[in-house]
Each structure stands twice: as structure tokens, then as C-alpha cells.
Protein backbone atom coordinates (compact mmCIF):
# COMPACT_ATOMS: atom_id res chain seq x y z
CA MET A 1 101.14 22.21 109.67
CA LYS A 2 97.85 21.21 108.11
CA ILE A 3 96.26 17.76 108.42
CA ILE A 4 94.61 16.45 105.25
CA TYR A 5 92.42 13.32 105.11
CA THR A 6 92.10 11.03 102.09
CA LEU A 7 88.61 10.22 100.83
CA HIS A 8 89.04 6.73 102.29
CA ALA A 9 89.78 8.11 105.77
CA GLU A 10 86.87 10.59 105.56
CA GLN A 11 84.45 7.81 104.60
CA LYS A 12 85.77 5.52 107.31
CA LEU A 13 85.04 8.19 109.94
CA LYS A 14 81.35 7.99 108.97
CA ARG A 15 81.00 4.25 109.69
CA PHE A 16 78.76 3.21 112.58
CA ASP A 17 81.41 1.04 114.29
CA ILE A 18 83.92 3.90 114.18
CA LYS A 19 81.41 6.37 115.62
CA LYS A 20 80.50 3.84 118.33
CA LEU A 21 84.14 3.88 119.54
CA LYS A 22 84.07 7.71 119.38
CA ILE A 23 86.84 7.95 116.79
CA ASN A 24 86.91 11.43 115.26
CA LYS A 25 89.37 13.86 113.69
CA LYS A 26 90.24 15.39 117.05
CA LEU A 27 91.24 11.98 118.44
CA ILE A 28 93.25 11.16 115.30
CA GLU A 29 95.07 14.51 115.51
CA GLY A 30 95.81 13.80 119.19
CA VAL A 31 97.38 10.46 118.27
CA LEU A 32 99.44 12.17 115.55
CA THR A 33 100.78 14.82 117.94
CA ASN A 34 101.32 12.57 120.96
CA PRO A 35 101.74 8.91 119.92
CA GLN A 36 102.75 6.09 122.26
CA SER A 37 104.59 4.33 119.43
CA GLU A 38 105.97 5.36 116.02
CA SER A 39 107.16 3.20 113.12
CA MET A 40 107.17 2.77 109.36
CA THR A 41 104.84 0.46 107.44
CA LYS A 42 106.20 -2.14 105.04
CA TYR A 43 105.12 0.21 102.23
CA GLY A 44 107.17 3.15 103.55
CA ASP A 45 104.37 5.19 105.13
CA TYR A 46 104.53 6.52 108.67
CA SER A 47 102.54 4.83 111.43
CA VAL A 48 101.64 5.98 114.95
CA VAL A 49 99.77 4.06 117.63
CA SER A 50 98.05 5.11 120.86
CA GLN A 51 95.71 3.39 123.27
CA ILE A 52 92.09 4.61 123.09
CA ASP A 53 90.57 2.43 125.84
CA ASN A 54 91.43 -0.64 127.94
CA LYS A 55 91.03 -3.04 125.02
CA HIS A 56 91.80 -1.03 121.86
CA ASP A 57 94.60 0.88 120.17
CA LEU A 58 94.22 3.37 117.33
CA ARG A 59 96.80 3.08 114.55
CA VAL A 60 97.04 5.97 112.09
CA ILE A 61 98.85 5.58 108.77
CA TYR A 62 100.00 8.85 107.22
CA ASP A 63 102.44 10.51 104.86
CA ILE A 64 104.18 13.86 105.00
CA ILE A 65 103.65 16.06 101.95
CA GLU A 66 105.79 19.20 102.08
CA LYS A 67 104.81 20.55 105.53
CA ASP A 68 101.38 18.91 105.71
CA ILE A 69 100.29 15.54 107.08
CA LYS A 70 98.10 13.36 104.87
CA VAL A 71 96.11 10.77 106.86
CA ILE A 72 95.82 7.76 104.57
CA THR A 73 93.82 5.47 106.87
CA PHE A 74 93.45 4.33 110.46
CA HIS A 75 92.79 1.02 112.20
CA ILE A 76 91.31 -0.01 115.51
CA SER A 77 93.13 -3.03 116.87
CA LYS A 78 93.40 -5.10 120.01
CA LYS A 79 95.65 -3.48 122.57
CA GLY A 80 99.33 -4.14 121.88
CA ARG A 81 99.05 -5.60 118.38
CA TYR A 82 101.07 -2.90 116.58
CA ARG A 83 103.62 -2.09 119.30
């Protein structure tokens, strides 16, 4: 299984605030393989959430294309918001 990132997700990884929280592809892939919570978005995409520190969760929105995972975007939220 291959993980593909949209241009939006790639650009978001370069933002200062994202780097400050140490969000990177390795962390996103860890959330995808071992999430604390799984659901569907209101638009029909898949969503996984895991805690990244005492105050924040990382939510990853993705789609499955054939056997690959396409990361559409990700969000940092207050702990517990998307569970």
C-alpha cells in the first residue's frame, strides 16, 4: 500500500505552525496505521484521529484509491473534538 499526498497536504506540511508541532509524513502515516478513532466525514471521505500531545489531536482525512491511500488534508484540533 502506497500513501499519496495531495498538493494541499504537501503545502500544509511546510507551514511554520505545523512544523512547530512536529507534524510530518511519518507521524501522519503512524496515525493512519494505528488510529485511536475512525469515522467518515459528511462528504464520504475517511477520517482517523490520534492524540499527538496532552492538548492536541491530529485528524487525517483520506480516501482509498485502488490499493493506495490518498491523504487529502489533516487538522490539528483540541483534544477530544473529533472523537
